[in-house]
Structures are given as C-alpha cells and as structure tokens.
Amino acid sequence: LLEFQKQSELMDMKEELMNDAIDDALGDEDDEDESDAVVSQVLDELGLNLTEELASEP
C-alpha cells in the first residue's frame, strides 16, 4: 500500500509538470488577446488601420 501511495504521488507530480510544460509551450489565449489589444492600440495611436490596408491589397 505504501508503494502504491508513492507511485500515485509521483504520477501526480509528473502530470502537473507536463501540464505546466504544455501550458508554457502553447501559451495562454488571454495573453494572445491582450497582445492583440496592445498592438491595435499602438496602431490606432499612429493613425494606422492595418485591416483597411490589408483589405486594399490585391
């Protein structure tokens, strides 16, 4: 029973490490949305509208 408990705790730790690694590798969607908002704000301050410029390209 003691060996089972050790193995279970070890598996829990490995699972947590793997989840953290996957989250770090894939990034967080909230971070991406936040980055997009900052980029849009900077472009607006510069008077650029990236969407309109890209839409007018052939």
PDB file of N, CA and C in Angstrom:
ATOM      1  N   LEU A   1       0.838  -1.208   0.000  1.00  0.00           N
ATOM      2  CA  LEU A   1       0.000   0.000   0.000  1.00  0.00           C
ATOM      3  C   LEU A   1       0.873   1.258   0.000  1.00  0.00           C
ATOM      4  N   LEU A   2       1.973   1.220   0.735  1.00  0.00           N
ATOM      5  CA  LEU A   2       2.881   2.363   0.793  1.00  0.00           C
ATOM      6  C   LEU A   2       3.506   2.628  -0.583  1.00  0.00           C
ATOM      7  N   GLU A   3       3.870   1.566  -1.278  1.00  0.00           N
ATOM      8  CA  GLU A   3       4.451   1.698  -2.615  1.00  0.00           C
ATOM      9  C   GLU A   3       3.435   2.310  -3.586  1.00  0.00           C
ATOM     10  N   PHE A   4       2.186   1.903  -3.474  1.00  0.00           N
ATOM     11  CA  PHE A   4       1.127   2.465  -4.320  1.00  0.00           C
ATOM     12  C   PHE A   4       0.986   3.966  -4.071  1.00  0.00           C
ATOM     13  N   GLN A   5       1.032   4.371  -2.822  1.00  0.00           N
ATOM     14  CA  GLN A   5       0.901   5.782  -2.473  1.00  0.00           C
ATOM     15  C   GLN A   5       2.070   6.581  -3.055  1.00  0.00           C
ATOM     16  N   LYS A   6       3.287   6.048  -2.962  1.00  0.00           N
ATOM     17  CA  LYS A   6       4.456   6.727  -3.522  1.00  0.00           C
ATOM     18  C   LYS A   6       4.314   6.888  -5.035  1.00  0.00           C
ATOM     19  N   GLN A   7       3.903   5.814  -5.693  1.00  0.00           N
ATOM     20  CA  GLN A   7       3.746   5.856  -7.144  1.00  0.00           C
ATOM     21  C   GLN A   7       2.643   6.831  -7.558  1.00  0.00           C
ATOM     22  N   SER A   8       1.581   6.876  -6.792  1.00  0.00           N
ATOM     23  CA  SER A   8       0.478   7.792  -7.080  1.00  0.00           C
ATOM     24  C   SER A   8       0.936   9.248  -6.951  1.00  0.00           C
ATOM     25  N   GLU A   9       1.685   9.551  -5.904  1.00  0.00           N
ATOM     26  CA  GLU A   9       2.199  10.909  -5.716  1.00  0.00           C
ATOM     27  C   GLU A   9       3.177  11.274  -6.825  1.00  0.00           C
ATOM     28  N   LEU A  10       4.011  10.314  -7.226  1.00  0.00           N
ATOM     29  CA  LEU A  10       4.961  10.546  -8.308  1.00  0.00           C
ATOM     30  C   LEU A  10       4.223  10.838  -9.619  1.00  0.00           C
ATOM     31  N   MET A  11       3.173  10.084  -9.892  1.00  0.00           N
ATOM     32  CA  MET A  11       2.380  10.320 -11.103  1.00  0.00           C
ATOM     33  C   MET A  11       1.714  11.691 -11.059  1.00  0.00           C
ATOM     34  N   ASP A  12       1.211  12.099  -9.899  1.00  0.00           N
ATOM     35  CA  ASP A  12       0.587  13.414  -9.764  1.00  0.00           C
ATOM     36  C   ASP A  12       1.592  14.523 -10.066  1.00  0.00           C
ATOM     37  N   MET A  13       2.814  14.376  -9.556  1.00  0.00           N
ATOM     38  CA  MET A  13       3.846  15.383  -9.802  1.00  0.00           C
ATOM     39  C   MET A  13       4.212  15.436 -11.281  1.00  0.00           C
ATOM     40  N   LYS A  14       4.342  14.274 -11.909  1.00  0.00           N
ATOM     41  CA  LYS A  14       4.665  14.233 -13.336  1.00  0.00           C
ATOM     42  C   LYS A  14       3.549  14.862 -14.163  1.00  0.00           C
ATOM     43  N   GLU A  15       2.310  14.582 -13.793  1.00  0.00           N
ATOM     44  CA  GLU A  15       1.173  15.160 -14.515  1.00  0.00           C
ATOM     45  C   GLU A  15       1.185  16.682 -14.408  1.00  0.00           C
ATOM     46  N   GLU A  16       1.463  17.196 -13.220  1.00  0.00           N
ATOM     47  CA  GLU A  16       1.498  18.641 -13.022  1.00  0.00           C
ATOM     48  C   GLU A  16       2.618  19.272 -13.853  1.00  0.00           C
ATOM     49  N   LEU A  17       3.789  18.637 -13.868  1.00  0.00           N
ATOM     50  CA  LEU A  17       4.899  19.156 -14.667  1.00  0.00           C
ATOM     51  C   LEU A  17       4.564  19.145 -16.156  1.00  0.00           C
ATOM     52  N   MET A  18       3.935  18.081 -16.616  1.00  0.00           N
ATOM     53  CA  MET A  18       3.563  18.003 -18.030  1.00  0.00           C
ATOM     54  C   MET A  18       2.527  19.062 -18.384  1.00  0.00           C
ATOM     55  N   ASN A  19       1.548  19.266 -17.528  1.00  0.00           N
ATOM     56  CA  ASN A  19       0.530  20.287 -17.789  1.00  0.00           C
ATOM     57  C   ASN A  19       1.150  21.678 -17.835  1.00  0.00           C
ATOM     58  N   ASP A  20       2.078  21.954 -16.910  1.00  0.00           N
ATOM     59  CA  ASP A  20       2.758  23.248 -16.912  1.00  0.00           C
ATOM     60  C   ASP A  20       3.565  23.439 -18.190  1.00  0.00           C
ATOM     61  N   ALA A  21       4.257  22.390 -18.619  1.00  0.00           N
ATOM     62  CA  ALA A  21       5.062  22.478 -19.838  1.00  0.00           C
ATOM     63  C   ALA A  21       4.179  22.720 -21.059  1.00  0.00           C
ATOM     64  N   ILE A  22       3.054  22.041 -21.132  1.00  0.00           N
ATOM     65  CA  ILE A  22       2.135  22.223 -22.258  1.00  0.00           C
ATOM     66  C   ILE A  22       1.561  23.636 -22.252  1.00  0.00           C
ATOM     67  N   ASP A  23       1.171  24.125 -21.079  1.00  0.00           N
ATOM     68  CA  ASP A  23       0.639  25.483 -20.985  1.00  0.00           C
ATOM     69  C   ASP A  23       1.682  26.508 -21.416  1.00  0.00           C
ATOM     70  N   ASP A  24       2.940  26.310 -21.002  1.00  0.00           N
ATOM     71  CA  ASP A  24       4.005  27.231 -21.387  1.00  0.00           C
ATOM     72  C   ASP A  24       4.264  27.177 -22.889  1.00  0.00           C
ATOM     73  N   ALA A  25       4.237  25.982 -23.455  1.00  0.00           N
ATOM     74  CA  ALA A  25       4.526  25.821 -24.880  1.00  0.00           C
ATOM     75  C   ALA A  25       3.422  26.408 -25.751  1.00  0.00           C
ATOM     76  N   LEU A  26       2.187  26.188 -25.372  1.00  0.00           N
ATOM     77  CA  LEU A  26       1.069  26.654 -26.180  1.00  0.00           C
ATOM     78  C   LEU A  26       0.702  28.092 -25.894  1.00  0.00           C
ATOM     79  N   GLY A  27       1.091  28.581 -24.752  1.00  0.00           N
ATOM     80  CA  GLY A  27       0.731  29.933 -24.385  1.00  0.00           C
ATOM     81  C   GLY A  27      -0.703  29.997 -23.928  1.00  0.00           C
ATOM     82  N   ASP A  28      -1.027  31.100 -23.390  1.00  0.00           N
ATOM     83  CA  ASP A  28      -2.366  31.303 -22.865  1.00  0.00           C
ATOM     84  C   ASP A  28      -3.136  32.181 -23.839  1.00  0.00           C
ATOM     85  N   GLU A  29      -4.368  31.813 -24.160  1.00  0.00           N
ATOM     86  CA  GLU A  29      -5.167  32.595 -25.108  1.00  0.00           C
ATOM     87  C   GLU A  29      -5.400  34.013 -24.612  1.00  0.00           C
ATOM     88  N   ASP A  30      -5.503  34.183 -23.314  1.00  0.00           N
ATOM     89  CA  ASP A  30      -5.698  35.522 -22.766  1.00  0.00           C
ATOM     90  C   ASP A  30      -4.507  36.407 -23.093  1.00  0.00           C
ATOM     91  N   ASP A  31      -3.297  35.835 -23.050  1.00  0.00           N
ATOM     92  CA  ASP A  31      -2.105  36.595 -23.392  1.00  0.00           C
ATOM     93  C   ASP A  31      -2.146  37.038 -24.847  1.00  0.00           C
ATOM     94  N   GLU A  32      -2.614  36.162 -25.726  1.00  0.00           N
ATOM     95  CA  GLU A  32      -2.696  36.493 -27.147  1.00  0.00           C
ATOM     96  C   GLU A  32      -3.705  37.612 -27.376  1.00  0.00           C
ATOM     97  N   ASP A  33      -4.857  37.536 -26.736  1.00  0.00           N
ATOM     98  CA  ASP A  33      -5.866  38.584 -26.867  1.00  0.00           C
ATOM     99  C   ASP A  33      -5.334  39.907 -26.331  1.00  0.00           C
ATOM    100  N   GLU A  34      -4.621  39.843 -25.221  1.00  0.00           N
ATOM    101  CA  GLU A  34      -4.053  41.047 -24.626  1.00  0.00           C
ATOM    102  C   GLU A  34      -3.011  41.652 -25.565  1.00  0.00           C
ATOM    103  N   SER A  35      -2.190  40.821 -26.176  1.00  0.00           N
ATOM    104  CA  SER A  35      -1.181  41.297 -27.127  1.00  0.00           C
ATOM    105  C   SER A  35      -1.839  41.955 -28.328  1.00  0.00           C
ATOM    106  N   ASP A  36      -2.888  41.334 -28.854  1.00  0.00           N
ATOM    107  CA  ASP A  36      -3.608  41.912 -29.988  1.00  0.00           C
ATOM    108  C   ASP A  36      -4.186  43.276 -29.633  1.00  0.00           C
ATOM    109  N   ALA A  37      -4.697  43.413 -28.424  1.00  0.00           N
ATOM    110  CA  ALA A  37      -5.275  44.680 -27.989  1.00  0.00           C
ATOM    111  C   ALA A  37      -4.200  45.764 -27.915  1.00  0.00           C
ATOM    112  N   VAL A  38      -3.025  45.415 -27.409  1.00  0.00           N
ATOM    113  CA  VAL A  38      -1.933  46.385 -27.305  1.00  0.00           C
ATOM    114  C   VAL A  38      -1.462  46.802 -28.694  1.00  0.00           C
ATOM    115  N   VAL A  39      -1.316  45.847 -29.599  1.00  0.00           N
ATOM    116  CA  VAL A  39      -0.895  46.163 -30.967  1.00  0.00           C
ATOM    117  C   VAL A  39      -1.922  47.074 -31.635  1.00  0.00           C
ATOM    118  N   SER A  40      -3.189  46.782 -31.479  1.00  0.00           N
ATOM    119  CA  SER A  40      -4.242  47.620 -32.065  1.00  0.00           C
ATOM    120  C   SER A  40      -4.206  49.030 -31.500  1.00  0.00           C
ATOM    121  N   GLN A  41      -3.973  49.142 -30.205  1.00  0.00           N
ATOM    122  CA  GLN A  41      -3.913  50.459 -29.573  1.00  0.00           C
ATOM    123  C   GLN A  41      -2.738  51.262 -30.128  1.00  0.00           C
ATOM    124  N   VAL A  42      -1.586  50.636 -30.274  1.00  0.00           N
ATOM    125  CA  VAL A  42      -0.413  51.328 -30.810  1.00  0.00           C
ATOM    126  C   VAL A  42      -0.662  51.764 -32.247  1.00  0.00           C
ATOM    127  N   LEU A  43      -1.240  50.878 -33.054  1.00  0.00           N
ATOM    128  CA  LEU A  43      -1.531  51.237 -34.443  1.00  0.00           C
ATOM    129  C   LEU A  43      -2.531  52.379 -34.518  1.00  0.00           C
ATOM    130  N   ASP A  44      -3.534  52.359 -33.648  1.00  0.00           N
ATOM    131  CA  ASP A  44      -4.514  53.450 -33.619  1.00  0.00           C
ATOM    132  C   ASP A  44      -3.839  54.768 -33.262  1.00  0.00           C
ATOM    133  N   GLU A  45      -2.912  54.728 -32.302  1.00  0.00           N
ATOM    134  CA  GLU A  45      -2.210  55.944 -31.899  1.00  0.00           C
ATOM    135  C   GLU A  45      -1.342  56.476 -33.034  1.00  0.00           C
ATOM    136  N   LEU A  46      -0.843  55.588 -33.867  1.00  0.00           N
ATOM    137  CA  LEU A  46      -0.028  56.001 -35.007  1.00  0.00           C
ATOM    138  C   LEU A  46      -0.878  56.385 -36.209  1.00  0.00           C
ATOM    139  N   GLY A  47      -2.186  56.200 -36.094  1.00  0.00           N
ATOM    140  CA  GLY A  47      -3.091  56.557 -37.179  1.00  0.00           C
ATOM    141  C   GLY A  47      -3.135  55.511 -38.278  1.00  0.00           C
ATOM    142  N   LEU A  48      -2.769  54.312 -37.945  1.00  0.00           N
ATOM    143  CA  LEU A  48      -2.767  53.245 -38.940  1.00  0.00           C
ATOM    144  C   LEU A  48      -3.924  52.302 -38.679  1.00  0.00           C
ATOM    145  N   ASN A  49      -4.536  51.869 -39.742  1.00  0.00           N
ATOM    146  CA  ASN A  49      -5.570  50.855 -39.614  1.00  0.00           C
ATOM    147  C   ASN A  49      -5.138  49.680 -40.471  1.00  0.00           C
ATOM    148  N   LEU A  50      -4.549  48.698 -39.848  1.00  0.00           N
ATOM    149  CA  LEU A  50      -3.973  47.559 -40.546  1.00  0.00           C
ATOM    150  C   LEU A  50      -5.022  46.800 -41.349  1.00  0.00           C
ATOM    151  N   THR A  51      -6.219  46.689 -40.837  1.00  0.00           N
ATOM    152  CA  THR A  51      -7.270  45.946 -41.524  1.00  0.00           C
ATOM    153  C   THR A  51      -7.613  46.591 -42.861  1.00  0.00           C
ATOM    154  N   GLU A  52      -7.756  47.906 -42.880  1.00  0.00           N
ATOM    155  CA  GLU A  52      -8.074  48.604 -44.125  1.00  0.00           C
ATOM    156  C   GLU A  52      -6.937  48.482 -45.127  1.00  0.00           C
ATOM    157  N   GLU A  53      -5.699  48.588 -44.655  1.00  0.00           N
ATOM    158  CA  GLU A  53      -4.556  48.490 -45.554  1.00  0.00           C
ATOM    159  C   GLU A  53      -4.460  47.098 -46.164  1.00  0.00           C
ATOM    160  N   LEU A  54      -4.686  46.073 -45.373  1.00  0.00           N
ATOM    161  CA  LEU A  54      -4.609  44.711 -45.888  1.00  0.00           C
ATOM    162  C   LEU A  54      -5.764  44.412 -46.835  1.00  0.00           C
ATOM    163  N   ALA A  55      -6.925  44.976 -46.574  1.00  0.00           N
ATOM    164  CA  ALA A  55      -8.087  44.734 -47.423  1.00  0.00           C
ATOM    165  C   ALA A  55      -7.910  45.376 -48.799  1.00  0.00           C
ATOM    166  N   SER A  56      -7.165  46.477 -48.875  1.00  0.00           N
ATOM    167  CA  SER A  56      -6.984  47.159 -50.151  1.00  0.00           C
ATOM    168  C   SER A  56      -5.897  46.526 -51.006  1.00  0.00           C
ATOM    169  N   GLU A  57      -5.116  45.617 -50.451  1.00  0.00           N
ATOM    170  CA  GLU A  57      -4.070  44.930 -51.215  1.00  0.00           C
ATOM    171  C   GLU A  57      -4.700  43.885 -52.128  1.00  0.00           C
ATOM    172  N   PRO A  58      -4.154  43.741 -53.342  1.00  0.00           N
ATOM    173  CA  PRO A  58      -4.716  42.749 -54.285  1.00  0.00           C
ATOM    174  C   PRO A  58      -4.427  41.327 -53.871  1.00  0.00           C
TER     175      PRO A  58
END
